[in-house]
C-alpha cells in the first residue's frame, strides 16, 4: 500500500525533473534538426535551446521559463492500493505542485478564468490535472509528470467535426492548416511534437491528440498501418512548408507527428490537433513495493 507522503514526494520529484531535464529522445531529435538546418536564425534558436537545457540540468534555471499547466498521467496496476483510496492521488498532486511552485521549479501561471486572480501555487479547480488509467505491471504505479507550456496549449490546440465525406484528404488539409497557423512566428515554440486525435467523441478526440503529443517517444509510429502511413506523409509535408525552429526559415517546424484513433459515430469524423513545444517536458516515475525509479524515457 502506497502512502500519500510517498505519492507526493514521487510526484514532486517527477515534476521537478521534468522542469530541469530534457527527455533524451527529445534532445536527440533537436540535435538531428540542428544538423539539418542551414538558416543562421534557425540554427541559433536550436543552439540556444540545447545550451539552456545543459544549464538547467546543471542546476542553473529551467529547461523553459514557461512551465505552463501541471499535468500528471497515472497508470495503476491491478494490485496497486493507495492509503486512503485513489482520492489520495489528488491530495498528493496538490502537495507536489504546491511545493514545486514554492521552490521555483514551476512558475505560478494558473489563474481563475473569470476574475484572473492568481492563488500563487498552481492549485485550483481542475489543476493539477490527473489522467488516471489502469494497466501495466500489477504491483506498479506509473506516474508521468508533464508541465505543458502555455504557448503550445494556447496556440496549438484545434478541433473540428468534419463530415465523413471529407475523408483522409480533409484530415490532411486540416492538420497542415493547423501546423501553419500554430508554427508561424514561433507561437508554439517549434520544432513541435504534434498529436492528432481522430474519432471518438469530442472530448475523447481532444484527449487522444494531447496524449499523442505528450506520451509517445519520438520516432514510434501508430501500430495501425493506415495511421502510421498518414503520420509519415504529414510529417514529410510539414517539412515542405518553409517553416523552421521558432518560426524561422527551415524544415523542422515539426519533429514528430503522432496519430491516435478511436471508433466514432457513422455520421461523424472528429479530428483534434494538439502541440507540444520543442522542450517536450515529461518525466516518468515507477513506484513498486520495494523501489522507486525515474526515467526520461517512455
Protein backbone atom coordinates (compact mmCIF):
# COMPACT_ATOMS: atom_id res chain seq x y z
CA UNK A 1 0.00 0.00 0.00
CA UNK A 2 1.43 3.38 -1.04
CA UNK A 3 1.06 6.33 1.33
CA UNK A 4 0.08 9.89 0.49
CA UNK A 5 3.52 11.10 1.59
CA UNK A 6 5.22 8.66 -0.79
CA UNK A 7 2.98 9.70 -3.66
CA UNK A 8 3.52 13.41 -3.01
CA UNK A 9 7.30 13.02 -2.87
CA UNK A 10 7.38 10.95 -6.06
CA UNK A 11 5.10 13.33 -7.96
CA UNK A 12 7.16 16.30 -6.81
CA UNK A 13 10.41 14.68 -7.92
CA UNK A 14 9.00 13.73 -11.32
CA UNK A 15 7.66 17.26 -11.85
CA UNK A 16 10.92 18.87 -10.72
CA UNK A 17 12.98 16.68 -13.01
CA UNK A 18 10.61 17.38 -15.91
CA UNK A 19 11.24 21.09 -15.38
CA UNK A 20 15.04 20.82 -15.47
CA UNK A 21 15.89 17.76 -17.60
CA UNK A 22 15.12 17.44 -21.30
CA UNK A 23 13.98 13.91 -22.25
CA UNK A 24 16.74 12.10 -24.17
CA UNK A 25 14.59 11.32 -27.21
CA UNK A 26 13.61 14.99 -27.49
CA UNK A 27 17.22 16.12 -27.20
CA UNK A 28 18.30 13.64 -29.88
CA UNK A 29 15.58 14.95 -32.22
CA UNK A 30 16.68 18.57 -31.68
CA UNK A 31 20.28 17.63 -32.37
CA UNK A 32 19.21 15.97 -35.63
CA UNK A 33 17.29 19.12 -36.53
CA UNK A 34 20.36 21.26 -35.82
CA UNK A 35 22.41 19.09 -38.16
CA UNK A 36 19.83 19.67 -40.93
CA UNK A 37 19.09 23.37 -40.64
CA UNK A 38 21.15 25.87 -42.65
CA UNK A 39 19.42 29.18 -41.89
CA UNK A 40 21.50 31.07 -39.26
CA UNK A 41 18.46 32.09 -37.22
CA UNK A 42 17.09 28.54 -37.19
CA UNK A 43 20.42 27.16 -36.05
CA UNK A 44 20.81 29.82 -33.38
CA UNK A 45 17.42 29.01 -31.89
CA UNK A 46 18.30 25.32 -31.63
CA UNK A 47 21.77 26.00 -30.24
CA UNK A 48 20.35 28.24 -27.51
CA UNK A 49 17.62 25.73 -26.63
CA UNK A 50 20.15 22.93 -26.26
CA UNK A 51 22.50 25.18 -24.29
CA UNK A 52 19.67 26.20 -21.99
CA UNK A 53 18.88 22.52 -21.40
CA UNK A 54 22.50 21.93 -20.42
CA UNK A 55 22.38 24.81 -17.94
CA UNK A 56 19.10 23.58 -16.46
CA UNK A 57 20.49 20.08 -15.96
CA UNK A 58 23.47 21.66 -14.18
CA UNK A 59 21.18 23.44 -11.75
CA UNK A 60 21.12 26.84 -13.44
CA UNK A 61 17.47 27.55 -14.19
CA UNK A 62 14.77 25.64 -16.03
CA UNK A 63 14.59 23.98 -19.43
CA UNK A 64 11.97 26.66 -20.23
CA UNK A 65 10.70 29.50 -18.07
CA UNK A 66 7.06 28.92 -19.04
CA UNK A 67 6.20 25.81 -17.05
CA UNK A 68 2.59 26.10 -18.12
CA UNK A 69 -0.03 23.60 -16.99
CA UNK A 70 0.82 21.00 -14.28
CA UNK A 71 -0.33 17.65 -15.67
CA UNK A 72 0.03 14.11 -14.33
CA UNK A 73 -0.70 10.91 -16.24
CA UNK A 74 -1.05 7.99 -13.83
CA UNK A 75 -1.40 4.26 -14.60
CA UNK A 76 -2.17 1.81 -11.80
CA UNK A 77 -1.60 -1.93 -11.88
CA UNK A 78 -4.40 -4.27 -10.86
CA UNK A 79 -2.88 -4.96 -7.43
CA UNK A 80 -1.97 -1.38 -6.52
CA UNK A 81 -3.64 0.02 -3.41
CA UNK A 82 -3.31 3.54 -2.03
CA UNK A 83 -3.66 4.54 1.58
CA UNK A 84 -6.96 6.43 1.70
CA UNK A 85 -8.01 5.19 -1.74
CA UNK A 86 -7.37 6.71 -5.16
CA UNK A 87 -8.60 10.12 -3.99
CA UNK A 88 -5.18 10.30 -2.33
CA UNK A 89 -3.68 10.96 -5.77
CA UNK A 90 -5.36 14.36 -5.92
CA UNK A 91 -4.16 15.45 -2.48
CA UNK A 92 -0.66 14.21 -3.26
CA UNK A 93 -0.63 16.06 -6.58
CA UNK A 94 -1.61 19.31 -4.87
CA UNK A 95 1.18 18.90 -2.34
CA UNK A 96 3.68 18.12 -5.08
CA UNK A 97 2.67 21.05 -7.29
CA UNK A 98 2.48 23.49 -4.39
CA UNK A 99 5.98 22.52 -3.29
CA UNK A 100 7.39 22.64 -6.84
CA UNK A 101 5.90 26.12 -7.28
CA UNK A 102 7.23 27.38 -3.94
CA UNK A 103 10.70 26.12 -4.86
CA UNK A 104 10.51 27.84 -8.30
CA UNK A 105 10.51 24.69 -10.41
CA UNK A 106 7.04 25.73 -11.61
CA UNK A 107 6.02 29.30 -12.39
CA UNK A 108 2.67 30.28 -10.79
CA UNK A 109 0.69 30.56 -14.03
CA UNK A 110 -2.70 29.07 -13.11
CA UNK A 111 -5.39 31.74 -12.61
CA UNK A 112 -9.15 31.93 -12.21
CA UNK A 113 -10.51 32.20 -15.79
CA UNK A 114 -13.09 34.88 -14.89
CA UNK A 115 -11.56 37.03 -12.15
CA UNK A 116 -7.98 36.33 -13.31
CA UNK A 117 -6.97 36.07 -9.65
CA UNK A 118 -3.83 34.03 -9.05
CA UNK A 119 -3.52 31.81 -5.95
CA UNK A 120 0.23 31.71 -6.48
CA UNK A 121 0.58 27.94 -6.15
CA UNK A 122 -0.89 26.49 -9.38
CA UNK A 123 -3.68 24.83 -7.39
CA UNK A 124 -7.38 25.31 -8.07
CA UNK A 125 -10.42 23.67 -9.67
CA UNK A 126 -9.13 21.22 -12.29
CA UNK A 127 -5.45 21.82 -11.54
CA UNK A 128 -3.20 19.99 -11.13
CA UNK A 129 -4.78 17.74 -13.75
CA UNK A 130 -4.65 13.96 -13.24
CA UNK A 131 -5.40 11.47 -16.00
CA UNK A 132 -5.88 8.05 -14.37
CA UNK A 133 -5.86 4.74 -16.21
CA UNK A 134 -5.29 1.12 -15.26
CA UNK A 135 -2.86 -1.45 -16.62
CA UNK A 136 0.82 -2.26 -16.73
CA UNK A 137 2.64 -4.35 -14.13
CA UNK A 138 0.16 -5.49 -11.47
CA UNK A 139 2.05 -4.08 -8.48
CA UNK A 140 3.35 -0.87 -10.11
CA UNK A 141 2.09 2.71 -10.15
CA UNK A 142 3.40 4.69 -13.14
CA UNK A 143 3.39 8.48 -12.94
CA UNK A 144 4.30 10.84 -15.79
CA UNK A 145 4.68 14.50 -14.85
CA UNK A 146 4.25 16.85 -17.81
CA UNK A 147 4.41 20.60 -17.20
CA UNK A 148 2.95 21.58 -20.57
CA UNK A 149 3.99 25.02 -21.77
CA UNK A 150 1.32 27.66 -22.24
CA UNK A 151 2.23 28.60 -25.79
CA UNK A 152 1.89 25.10 -27.16
CA UNK A 153 -1.50 24.69 -25.49
CA UNK A 154 -2.90 28.16 -26.21
CA UNK A 155 -1.80 28.45 -29.84
CA UNK A 156 -1.54 24.74 -30.69
CA UNK A 157 -4.99 23.36 -29.89
CA UNK A 158 -7.64 22.93 -32.60
CA UNK A 159 -10.75 20.79 -33.06
CA UNK A 160 -13.09 20.24 -35.98
CA UNK A 161 -16.08 17.99 -36.54
CA UNK A 162 -15.77 17.01 -40.18
CA UNK A 163 -18.17 15.18 -42.43
CA UNK A 164 -17.30 11.54 -43.15
CA UNK A 165 -17.19 12.51 -46.83
CA UNK A 166 -14.21 14.80 -46.06
CA UNK A 167 -12.20 11.61 -45.56
CA UNK A 168 -8.45 11.35 -45.25
CA UNK A 169 -7.94 14.25 -47.68
CA UNK A 170 -9.93 16.51 -45.36
CA UNK A 171 -7.91 15.33 -42.36
CA UNK A 172 -4.65 16.12 -44.16
CA UNK A 173 -5.81 19.60 -45.10
CA UNK A 174 -6.94 20.36 -41.54
CA UNK A 175 -3.68 19.16 -39.96
CA UNK A 176 -1.45 21.09 -42.36
CA UNK A 177 -3.50 24.25 -41.81
CA UNK A 178 -3.11 23.77 -38.06
CA UNK A 179 0.66 23.37 -38.39
CA UNK A 180 0.92 26.58 -40.38
CA UNK A 181 -1.37 28.54 -38.04
CA UNK A 182 0.42 27.37 -34.90
CA UNK A 183 4.05 27.44 -36.06
CA UNK A 184 4.33 30.75 -37.88
CA UNK A 185 6.04 33.44 -35.80
CA UNK A 186 7.11 30.67 -33.42
CA UNK A 187 3.83 30.76 -31.48
CA UNK A 188 4.08 27.18 -30.18
CA UNK A 189 7.90 27.25 -29.91
CA UNK A 190 8.68 24.82 -32.73
CA UNK A 191 10.19 22.35 -33.56
CA UNK A 192 6.99 20.88 -32.20
CA UNK A 193 5.70 17.44 -31.38
CA UNK A 194 2.23 17.23 -32.89
CA UNK A 195 -0.54 14.97 -31.66
CA UNK A 196 -3.61 14.27 -33.79
CA UNK A 197 -6.74 12.56 -32.48
CA UNK A 198 -9.18 11.04 -34.96
CA UNK A 199 -12.56 9.61 -33.98
CA UNK A 200 -14.38 9.10 -30.71
CA UNK A 201 -16.44 11.88 -29.12
CA UNK A 202 -15.24 15.49 -28.96
CA UNK A 203 -13.65 15.10 -25.53
CA UNK A 204 -12.07 11.72 -26.36
CA UNK A 205 -10.72 13.11 -29.63
CA UNK A 206 -9.07 16.04 -27.84
CA UNK A 207 -7.65 13.75 -25.16
CA UNK A 208 -6.14 11.43 -27.76
CA UNK A 209 -4.47 14.35 -29.51
CA UNK A 210 -2.88 15.56 -26.27
CA UNK A 211 -1.66 12.12 -25.26
CA UNK A 212 -0.27 11.55 -28.75
CA UNK A 213 1.76 14.76 -28.39
CA UNK A 214 2.93 14.19 -24.82
CA UNK A 215 3.17 10.47 -24.20
CA UNK A 216 4.75 8.83 -27.23
CA UNK A 217 8.53 8.55 -27.76
CA UNK A 218 9.74 10.41 -30.83
CA UNK A 219 10.08 8.06 -33.79
CA UNK A 220 7.49 5.50 -32.63
CA UNK A 221 4.58 5.04 -35.05
CA UNK A 222 0.97 4.05 -34.54
CA UNK A 223 0.74 0.24 -34.88
CA UNK A 224 -2.12 0.57 -37.38
CA UNK A 225 -0.54 0.69 -40.90
CA UNK A 226 -3.03 3.26 -42.23
CA UNK A 227 -2.45 5.63 -39.32
CA UNK A 228 1.33 5.11 -39.50
CA UNK A 229 1.33 5.93 -43.22
CA UNK A 230 -0.63 9.10 -42.53
CA UNK A 231 1.84 10.09 -39.80
CA UNK A 232 4.75 9.69 -42.22
CA UNK A 233 3.02 11.60 -45.02
CA UNK A 234 2.01 14.53 -42.79
CA UNK A 235 5.45 14.83 -41.22
CA UNK A 236 7.02 14.88 -44.69
CA UNK A 237 4.52 17.55 -45.80
CA UNK A 238 5.35 19.71 -42.77
CA UNK A 239 8.98 19.77 -43.87
CA UNK A 240 7.98 21.41 -47.16
CA UNK A 241 6.25 24.43 -45.60
CA UNK A 242 9.40 26.51 -45.28
CA UNK A 243 8.93 26.90 -41.52
CA UNK A 244 11.73 26.02 -39.14
CA UNK A 245 12.68 26.39 -35.46
CA UNK A 246 10.79 29.20 -33.67
CA UNK A 247 9.11 30.15 -36.95
CA UNK A 248 12.34 30.92 -38.82
CA UNK A 249 13.08 29.64 -42.31
CA UNK A 250 13.81 25.93 -42.33
CA UNK A 251 12.39 22.41 -42.46
CA UNK A 252 11.90 21.44 -38.83
CA UNK A 253 8.67 23.11 -37.77
CA UNK A 254 7.68 19.61 -36.61
CA UNK A 255 9.96 16.85 -35.26
CA UNK A 256 7.26 14.24 -34.71
CA UNK A 257 3.64 13.79 -35.74
CA UNK A 258 1.67 11.16 -33.83
CA UNK A 259 -1.86 9.98 -34.52
CA UNK A 260 -4.26 8.16 -32.20
CA UNK A 261 -7.64 6.83 -33.33
CA UNK A 262 -10.91 5.65 -31.78
CA UNK A 263 -14.12 4.36 -33.32
CA UNK A 264 -16.75 7.03 -33.83
CA UNK A 265 -20.35 7.55 -34.91
CA UNK A 266 -21.10 6.66 -38.51
CA UNK A 267 -22.20 10.28 -39.16
CA UNK A 268 -19.09 11.81 -37.60
CA UNK A 269 -15.43 12.47 -38.36
CA UNK A 270 -13.98 14.37 -35.37
CA UNK A 271 -10.36 15.48 -35.63
CA UNK A 272 -8.26 17.22 -32.97
CA UNK A 273 -4.79 18.78 -33.04
CA UNK A 274 -2.56 19.39 -30.04
CA UNK A 275 1.03 20.61 -29.98
CA UNK A 276 3.90 20.09 -27.57
CA UNK A 277 6.74 22.63 -27.67
CA UNK A 278 10.35 21.86 -28.52
CA UNK A 279 11.49 21.11 -24.95
CA UNK A 280 8.99 18.24 -24.75
CA UNK A 281 8.93 18.16 -20.96
CA UNK A 282 7.84 14.95 -19.25
CA UNK A 283 9.45 12.67 -16.68
CA UNK A 284 8.30 9.23 -15.60
CA UNK A 285 8.30 7.58 -12.17
CA UNK A 286 7.65 3.97 -11.17
CA UNK A 287 6.52 3.16 -7.64
CA UNK A 288 6.90 -0.52 -6.76
CA UNK A 289 6.55 -2.23 -3.38
CA UNK A 290 10.34 -2.33 -2.98
CA UNK A 291 11.60 0.60 -5.05
CA UNK A 292 11.06 3.98 -6.75
CA UNK A 293 12.72 4.82 -10.06
CA UNK A 294 12.69 7.70 -12.52
CA UNK A 295 13.39 7.96 -16.23
CA UNK A 296 13.14 10.40 -19.12
CA UNK A 297 12.29 7.51 -21.44
CA UNK A 298 8.69 6.47 -22.12
